[in-house]
C-alpha atoms as a PDB file:
ATOM      1  CA  ALA A   1      79.411  52.588  39.417  1.00  0.00           C
ATOM      2  CA  GLY A   2      81.779  55.465  37.520  1.00  0.00           C
ATOM      3  CA  ILE A   3      82.874  58.718  38.700  1.00  0.00           C
ATOM      4  CA  ILE A   4      81.390  61.981  37.855  1.00  0.00           C
ATOM      5  CA  GLN A   5      82.978  63.847  34.558  1.00  0.00           C
ATOM      6  CA  THR A   6      82.337  67.585  33.598  1.00  0.00           C
ATOM      7  CA  ALA A   7      82.359  68.468  30.576  1.00  0.00           C
ATOM      8  CA  ALA A   8      83.055  72.259  28.759  1.00  0.00           C
ATOM      9  CA  VAL A   9      80.059  74.406  27.925  1.00  0.00           C
ATOM     10  CA  ASP A  10      78.531  74.106  24.565  1.00  0.00           C
ATOM     11  CA  GLU A  11      79.954  69.844  25.030  1.00  0.00           C
ATOM     12  CA  PRO A  12      77.304  67.272  25.028  1.00  0.00           C
ATOM     13  CA  ARG A  13      76.770  65.415  27.665  1.00  0.00           C
ATOM     14  CA  PHE A  14      76.127  61.454  27.278  1.00  0.00           C
ATOM     15  CA  ASN A  15      74.693  59.344  30.307  1.00  0.00           C
ATOM     16  CA  TYR A  16      75.888  55.609  30.961  1.00  0.00           C
ATOM     17  CA  ASP A  17      74.193  53.568  33.340  1.00  0.00           C
ATOM     18  CA  PRO A  18      76.227  53.561  36.593  1.00  0.00           C
ATOM     19  CA  GLU A  19      76.054  50.164  37.464  1.00  0.00           C
ATOM     20  CA  THR A  20      76.513  47.841  34.181  1.00  0.00           C
ATOM     21  CA  GLY A  21      77.884  51.330  32.284  1.00  0.00           C
ATOM     22  CA  GLU A  22      75.260  50.794  29.596  1.00  0.00           C
ATOM     23  CA  PHE A  23      75.606  53.897  27.140  1.00  0.00           C
ATOM     24  CA  LEU A  24      71.640  55.520  27.238  1.00  0.00           C
ATOM     25  CA  GLY A  25      72.080  58.594  24.864  1.00  0.00           C
ATOM     26  CA  LEU A  26      71.996  61.998  24.920  1.00  0.00           C
ATOM     27  CA  PHE A  27      71.862  64.388  28.461  1.00  0.00           C
ATOM     28  CA  LEU A  28      69.745  66.535  28.644  1.00  0.00           C
ATOM     29  CA  GLU A  29      68.840  68.836  31.965  1.00  0.00           C
ATOM     30  CA  LYS A  30      66.496  71.639  32.469  1.00  0.00           C
ATOM     31  CA  GLU A  31      67.333  74.932  34.050  1.00  0.00           C
ATOM     32  CA  SER A  32      67.693  74.546  38.043  1.00  0.00           C
ATOM     33  CA  THR A  33      68.426  77.129  40.440  1.00  0.00           C
ATOM     34  CA  THR A  34      70.525  76.335  43.520  1.00  0.00           C
ATOM     35  CA  TYR A  35      71.176  78.062  47.039  1.00  0.00           C
ATOM     36  CA  ALA A  36      73.710  75.640  48.524  1.00  0.00           C
ATOM     37  CA  TRP A  37      77.135  76.621  48.216  1.00  0.00           C
ATOM     38  CA  GLY A  38      81.214  75.169  48.358  1.00  0.00           C
ATOM     39  CA  THR A  39      79.473  71.919  47.003  1.00  0.00           C
ATOM     40  CA  ASP A  40      82.818  69.702  47.711  1.00  0.00           C
ATOM     41  CA  LEU A  41      83.177  70.718  51.138  1.00  0.00           C
ATOM     42  CA  ALA A  42      79.652  70.977  52.382  1.00  0.00           C
ATOM     43  CA  GLN A  43      80.271  74.097  53.770  1.00  0.00           C
ATOM     44  CA  GLY A  44      77.846  74.901  56.847  1.00  0.00           C
ATOM     45  CA  GLY A  45      77.954  75.351  60.169  1.00  0.00           C
ATOM     46  CA  ASN A  46      77.210  73.679  63.782  1.00  0.00           C
ATOM     47  CA  ILE A  47      74.556  74.378  65.864  1.00  0.00           C
ATOM     48  CA  GLY A  48      74.000  73.179  69.198  1.00  0.00           C
ATOM     49  CA  SER A  49      76.449  71.173  70.546  1.00  0.00           C
ATOM     50  CA  SER A  50      79.755  71.155  68.123  1.00  0.00           C
ATOM     51  CA  MET A  51      80.581  68.506  65.338  1.00  0.00           C
ATOM     52  CA  VAL A  52      84.338  67.910  64.395  1.00  0.00           C
ATOM     53  CA  ALA A  53      83.988  69.153  61.000  1.00  0.00           C
ATOM     54  CA  ASP A  54      87.489  67.800  59.188  1.00  0.00           C
ATOM     55  CA  ILE A  55      88.286  68.595  55.743  1.00  0.00           C
ATOM     56  CA  VAL A  56      89.795  65.283  54.744  1.00  0.00           C
ATOM     57  CA  SER A  57      92.625  64.971  51.635  1.00  0.00           C
ATOM     58  CA  GLY A  58      92.619  62.357  49.403  1.00  0.00           C
ATOM     59  CA  VAL A  59      89.813  60.422  49.568  1.00  0.00           C
ATOM     60  CA  SER A  60      87.745  58.842  46.864  1.00  0.00           C
ATOM     61  CA  THR A  61      84.054  60.017  46.619  1.00  0.00           C
ATOM     62  CA  PRO A  62      82.043  60.319  43.813  1.00  0.00           C
ATOM     63  CA  ALA A  63      84.132  62.810  41.525  1.00  0.00           C
ATOM     64  CA  GLY A  64      87.701  60.814  42.169  1.00  0.00           C
ATOM     65  CA  ILE A  65      90.478  60.979  44.183  1.00  0.00           C
ATOM     66  CA  THR A  66      89.878  64.339  46.145  1.00  0.00           C
ATOM     67  CA  ASP A  67      88.875  66.197  49.159  1.00  0.00           C
ATOM     68  CA  CYS A  68      85.700  66.218  50.686  1.00  0.00           C
ATOM     69  CA  ARG A  69      84.254  66.935  54.829  1.00  0.00           C
ATOM     70  CA  ARG A  70      83.963  64.194  57.510  1.00  0.00           C
ATOM     71  CA  LEU A  71      81.623  64.996  60.274  1.00  0.00           C
ATOM     72  CA  THR A  72      81.909  63.413  63.932  1.00  0.00           C
ATOM     73  CA  PRO A  73      78.985  64.092  66.054  1.00  0.00           C
ATOM     74  CA  ASN A  74      79.524  65.436  69.447  1.00  0.00           C
ATOM     75  CA  PRO A  75      78.293  62.747  71.809  1.00  0.00           C
ATOM     76  CA  ASN A  76      75.823  65.087  73.977  1.00  0.00           C
ATOM     77  CA  SER A  77      72.882  66.067  72.248  1.00  0.00           C
ATOM     78  CA  ASN A  78      71.564  68.731  69.627  1.00  0.00           C
ATOM     79  CA  SER A  79      75.025  68.282  67.235  1.00  0.00           C
ATOM     80  CA  VAL A  80      73.872  69.601  64.453  1.00  0.00           C
ATOM     81  CA  TRP A  81      75.819  70.612  60.632  1.00  0.00           C
ATOM     82  CA  ARG A  82      73.696  73.283  59.224  1.00  0.00           C
ATOM     83  CA  ILE A  83      73.512  73.719  55.085  1.00  0.00           C
ATOM     84  CA  GLY A  84      72.311  77.358  54.571  1.00  0.00           C
ATOM     85  CA  SER A  85      70.256  80.156  55.297  1.00  0.00           C
ATOM     86  CA  ALA A  86      67.998  81.584  57.556  1.00  0.00           C
ATOM     87  CA  GLY A  87      67.375  84.691  54.776  1.00  0.00           C
ATOM     88  CA  TYR A  88      65.469  83.571  52.023  1.00  0.00           C
ATOM     89  CA  ASP A  89      61.990  82.699  51.141  1.00  0.00           C
ATOM     90  CA  SER A  90      60.464  79.472  52.260  1.00  0.00           C
ATOM     91  CA  ASN A  91      59.717  78.049  48.886  1.00  0.00           C
ATOM     92  CA  ALA A  92      60.021  74.419  47.968  1.00  0.00           C
ATOM     93  CA  PHE A  93      63.669  73.254  47.509  1.00  0.00           C
ATOM     94  CA  THR A  94      65.257  69.450  47.141  1.00  0.00           C
ATOM     95  CA  PHE A  95      68.294  68.886  49.067  1.00  0.00           C
ATOM     96  CA  SER A  96      70.854  66.040  47.784  1.00  0.00           C
ATOM     97  CA  ALA A  97      74.682  64.978  48.902  1.00  0.00           C
ATOM     98  CA  TRP A  98      76.635  62.096  48.630  1.00  0.00           C
ATOM     99  CA  PHE A  99      77.218  60.903  52.326  1.00  0.00           C
ATOM    100  CA  LYS A 100      79.469  57.509  53.079  1.00  0.00           C
ATOM    101  CA  THR A 101      80.372  55.498  56.608  1.00  0.00           C
ATOM    102  CA  VAL A 102      84.264  56.419  58.044  1.00  0.00           C
ATOM    103  CA  GLY A 103      83.605  52.994  59.535  1.00  0.00           C
ATOM    104  CA  PRO A 104      82.390  49.429  57.818  1.00  0.00           C
ATOM    105  CA  ASP A 105      78.891  49.734  59.646  1.00  0.00           C
ATOM    106  CA  SER A 106      76.433  51.136  58.023  1.00  0.00           C
ATOM    107  CA  PHE A 107      73.604  53.727  60.698  1.00  0.00           C
ATOM    108  CA  ASN A 108      71.102  56.181  60.408  1.00  0.00           C
ATOM    109  CA  ILE A 109      71.722  60.168  60.471  1.00  0.00           C
ATOM    110  CA  LEU A 110      68.601  62.474  60.713  1.00  0.00           C
ATOM    111  CA  ILE A 111      67.928  65.336  57.963  1.00  0.00           C
ATOM    112  CA  GLU A 112      65.785  68.008  58.422  1.00  0.00           C
ATOM    113  CA  LEU A 113      64.780  70.854  56.172  1.00  0.00           C
ATOM    114  CA  ASN A 114      63.869  74.176  57.540  1.00  0.00           C
ATOM    115  CA  ASP A 115      64.097  73.275  61.064  1.00  0.00           C
ATOM    116  CA  ARG A 116      60.767  71.560  60.618  1.00  0.00           C
ATOM    117  CA  PHE A 117      60.469  68.216  58.352  1.00  0.00           C
ATOM    118  CA  ALA A 118      63.032  65.350  59.455  1.00  0.00           C
ATOM    119  CA  LYS A 119      63.293  61.936  58.545  1.00  0.00           C
ATOM    120  CA  GLN A 120      66.122  59.563  59.079  1.00  0.00           C
ATOM    121  CA  PHE A 121      68.010  57.966  56.362  1.00  0.00           C
ATOM    122  CA  THR A 122      70.341  54.813  56.202  1.00  0.00           C
ATOM    123  CA  ILE A 123      74.340  55.575  55.472  1.00  0.00           C
ATOM    124  CA  THR A 124      76.452  52.720  53.904  1.00  0.00           C
ATOM    125  CA  PRO A 125      80.328  51.923  53.731  1.00  0.00           C
ATOM    126  CA  GLU A 126      79.327  52.947  49.847  1.00  0.00           C
ATOM    127  CA  TRP A 127      79.130  56.180  48.233  1.00  0.00           C
ATOM    128  CA  THR A 128      74.844  57.176  48.491  1.00  0.00           C
ATOM    129  CA  ARG A 129      73.593  60.144  47.456  1.00  0.00           C
ATOM    130  CA  ILE A 130      70.741  61.063  49.612  1.00  0.00           C
ATOM    131  CA  VAL A 131      67.547  63.226  48.593  1.00  0.00           C
ATOM    132  CA  TYR A 132      64.790  64.856  50.125  1.00  0.00           C
ATOM    133  CA  SER A 133      62.723  67.400  49.004  1.00  0.00           C
ATOM    134  CA  GLY A 134      60.285  69.889  50.960  1.00  0.00           C
ATOM    135  CA  GLY A 135      60.951  72.408  53.374  1.00  0.00           C
ATOM    136  CA  TYR A 136      57.810  75.092  52.566  1.00  0.00           C
ATOM    137  CA  ARG A 137      56.516  76.354  55.333  1.00  0.00           C
ATOM    138  CA  ASN A 138      53.805  79.372  55.509  1.00  0.00           C
ATOM    139  CA  ASP A 139      54.317  80.565  58.539  1.00  0.00           C
ATOM    140  CA  THR A 140      58.273  81.775  57.694  1.00  0.00           C
ATOM    141  CA  THR A 141      59.760  83.613  55.000  1.00  0.00           C
ATOM    142  CA  THR A 142      62.919  83.348  55.664  1.00  0.00           C
ATOM    143  CA  TYR A 143      64.295  80.037  55.499  1.00  0.00           C
ATOM    144  CA  LYS A 144      66.276  78.203  53.705  1.00  0.00           C
ATOM    145  CA  PHE A 145      68.517  75.664  54.844  1.00  0.00           C
ATOM    146  CA  VAL A 146      68.943  71.907  55.935  1.00  0.00           C
ATOM    147  CA  ASP A 147      70.126  70.277  59.499  1.00  0.00           C
ATOM    148  CA  ILE A 148      72.078  67.257  59.551  1.00  0.00           C
ATOM    149  CA  ALA A 149      72.582  65.427  62.500  1.00  0.00           C
ATOM    150  CA  GLY A 150      74.297  62.310  63.873  1.00  0.00           C
ATOM    151  CA  ILE A 151      71.910  60.119  66.041  1.00  0.00           C
ATOM    152  CA  SER A 152      74.316  57.327  66.036  1.00  0.00           C
ATOM    153  CA  GLY A 153      76.979  57.707  69.341  1.00  0.00           C
ATOM    154  CA  THR A 154      79.803  59.435  67.927  1.00  0.00           C
ATOM    155  CA  LEU A 155      80.216  57.745  64.257  1.00  0.00           C
ATOM    156  CA  PRO A 156      81.926  59.751  61.789  1.00  0.00           C
ATOM    157  CA  PHE A 157      81.236  60.125  57.818  1.00  0.00           C
ATOM    158  CA  TYR A 158      81.556  61.717  54.729  1.00  0.00           C
ATOM    159  CA  ILE A 159      79.861  64.381  53.134  1.00  0.00           C
ATOM    160  CA  TRP A 160      80.262  65.601  49.462  1.00  0.00           C
ATOM    161  CA  GLY A 161      78.085  67.430  46.718  1.00  0.00           C
ATOM    162  CA  SER A 162      75.883  69.054  48.307  1.00  0.00           C
ATOM    163  CA  GLN A 163      73.425  70.789  46.734  1.00  0.00           C
ATOM    164  CA  MET A 164      69.800  72.722  47.485  1.00  0.00           C
ATOM    165  CA  GLU A 165      67.971  73.207  43.904  1.00  0.00           C
ATOM    166  CA  LEU A 166      64.514  75.056  44.081  1.00  0.00           C
ATOM    167  CA  CYS A 167      61.439  72.667  42.977  1.00  0.00           C
ATOM    168  CA  GLU A 168      58.170  72.977  42.046  1.00  0.00           C
ATOM    169  CA  ASP A 169      56.452  69.594  43.819  1.00  0.00           C
ATOM    170  CA  PHE A 170      58.092  67.506  47.132  1.00  0.00           C
ATOM    171  CA  ASP A 171      59.146  64.677  43.653  1.00  0.00           C
ATOM    172  CA  GLN A 172      61.613  66.867  41.775  1.00  0.00           C
ATOM    173  CA  PRO A 173      64.714  64.988  41.404  1.00  0.00           C
ATOM    174  CA  PRO A 174      68.062  66.553  41.788  1.00  0.00           C
ATOM    175  CA  THR A 175      69.901  67.634  38.779  1.00  0.00           C
ATOM    176  CA  THR A 176      73.522  66.994  38.039  1.00  0.00           C
ATOM    177  CA  ASP A 177      76.392  68.767  40.554  1.00  0.00           C
ATOM    178  CA  ILE A 178      77.234  72.442  39.415  1.00  0.00           C
ATOM    179  CA  PRO A 179      80.338  73.732  39.952  1.00  0.00           C
ATOM    180  CA  PRO A 180      81.442  74.811  43.182  1.00  0.00           C
ATOM    181  CA  SER A 181      83.799  77.188  41.819  1.00  0.00           C
ATOM    182  CA  SER A 182      80.184  79.322  41.478  1.00  0.00           C
ATOM    183  CA  TYR A 183      79.344  79.383  44.713  1.00  0.00           C
ATOM    184  CA  ILE A 184      79.806  83.002  46.666  1.00  0.00           C
ATOM    185  CA  ARG A 185      78.134  84.592  50.007  1.00  0.00           C
ATOM    186  CA  ASN A 186      76.439  87.868  49.763  1.00  0.00           C
ATOM    187  CA  SER A 187      78.399  90.739  51.936  1.00  0.00           C
ATOM    188  CA  ASN A 188      75.445  90.163  54.693  1.00  0.00           C
ATOM    189  CA  ASN A 189      76.663  86.485  55.118  1.00  0.00           C
ATOM    190  CA  SER A 190      73.758  84.813  52.920  1.00  0.00           C
ATOM    191  CA  LEU A 191      73.416  82.694  50.483  1.00  0.00           C
ATOM    192  CA  SER A 192      73.909  83.342  46.790  1.00  0.00           C
ATOM    193  CA  THR A 193      71.364  81.799  44.481  1.00  0.00           C
ATOM    194  CA  VAL A 194      73.206  80.016  40.625  1.00  0.00           C
ATOM    195  CA  THR A 195      71.344  79.355  37.769  1.00  0.00           C
ATOM    196  CA  ARG A 196      72.691  77.148  35.300  1.00  0.00           C
ATOM    197  CA  GLU A 197      70.209  77.315  32.226  1.00  0.00           C
ATOM    198  CA  ALA A 198      68.787  74.808  30.593  1.00  0.00           C
ATOM    199  CA  ASP A 199      70.409  72.442  27.787  1.00  0.00           C
ATOM    200  CA  ALA A 200      69.544  73.496  24.521  1.00  0.00           C
ATOM    201  CA  PHE A 201      69.830  70.778  21.524  1.00  0.00           C
ATOM    202  CA  SER A 202      70.219  71.746  17.840  1.00  0.00           C
ATOM    203  CA  LEU A 203      70.620  69.159  14.594  1.00  0.00           C
ATOM    204  CA  THR A 204      72.709  71.227  12.077  1.00  0.00           C
ATOM    205  CA  THR A 205      73.222  68.145   9.985  1.00  0.00           C
ATOM    206  CA  SER A 206      72.065  64.169   9.927  1.00  0.00           C
ATOM    207  CA  SER A 207      75.023  62.675   7.925  1.00  0.00           C
ATOM    208  CA  ASP A 208      76.539  61.470  11.216  1.00  0.00           C
ATOM    209  CA  PHE A 209      73.118  59.511  11.927  1.00  0.00           C
ATOM    210  CA  ASP A 210      72.485  58.610   8.427  1.00  0.00           C
END
């Protein structure tokens, strides 16, 4: 797979097959609003028995050699890393993040949306983007968070590039990375939303395509 690239404002983006490198054409995305912050470092906090949440330098991530977060579960139960906040409307959202085991073995982790919707995912020694949509609860209007739990003892794993995007249905795919410099916290420590405008395409001349 290739390395994620960042385009400047008004610079066209082009898509390539991540496995073969085949050129797939002009890349356009719709508008997207996200609640997550600190994308690269998957900022969050401990719930229950504390995970060791290190920031590790010099890791080969989907964006190249950079910093990322390493989570090491506590051997006690209920060792959870929470991304998000209990302070926003409980609409459905799409959570996405890249995961990778620190060691050579694959194992499962548990991801839970809004303290109710839990699912196991397998992570491997290769970076894999995990996507999980849902989270809507009609019994509360103040949840917007993701809990990540290690369920394979104390085996550590990396996480990079977390996002929580509002979605209209449970099958909505995530968009590409929104730069972490855009993420801030409000004074009440709840999450600020960040909206990336939809890509727009206009052709002023066709001479380059004739």
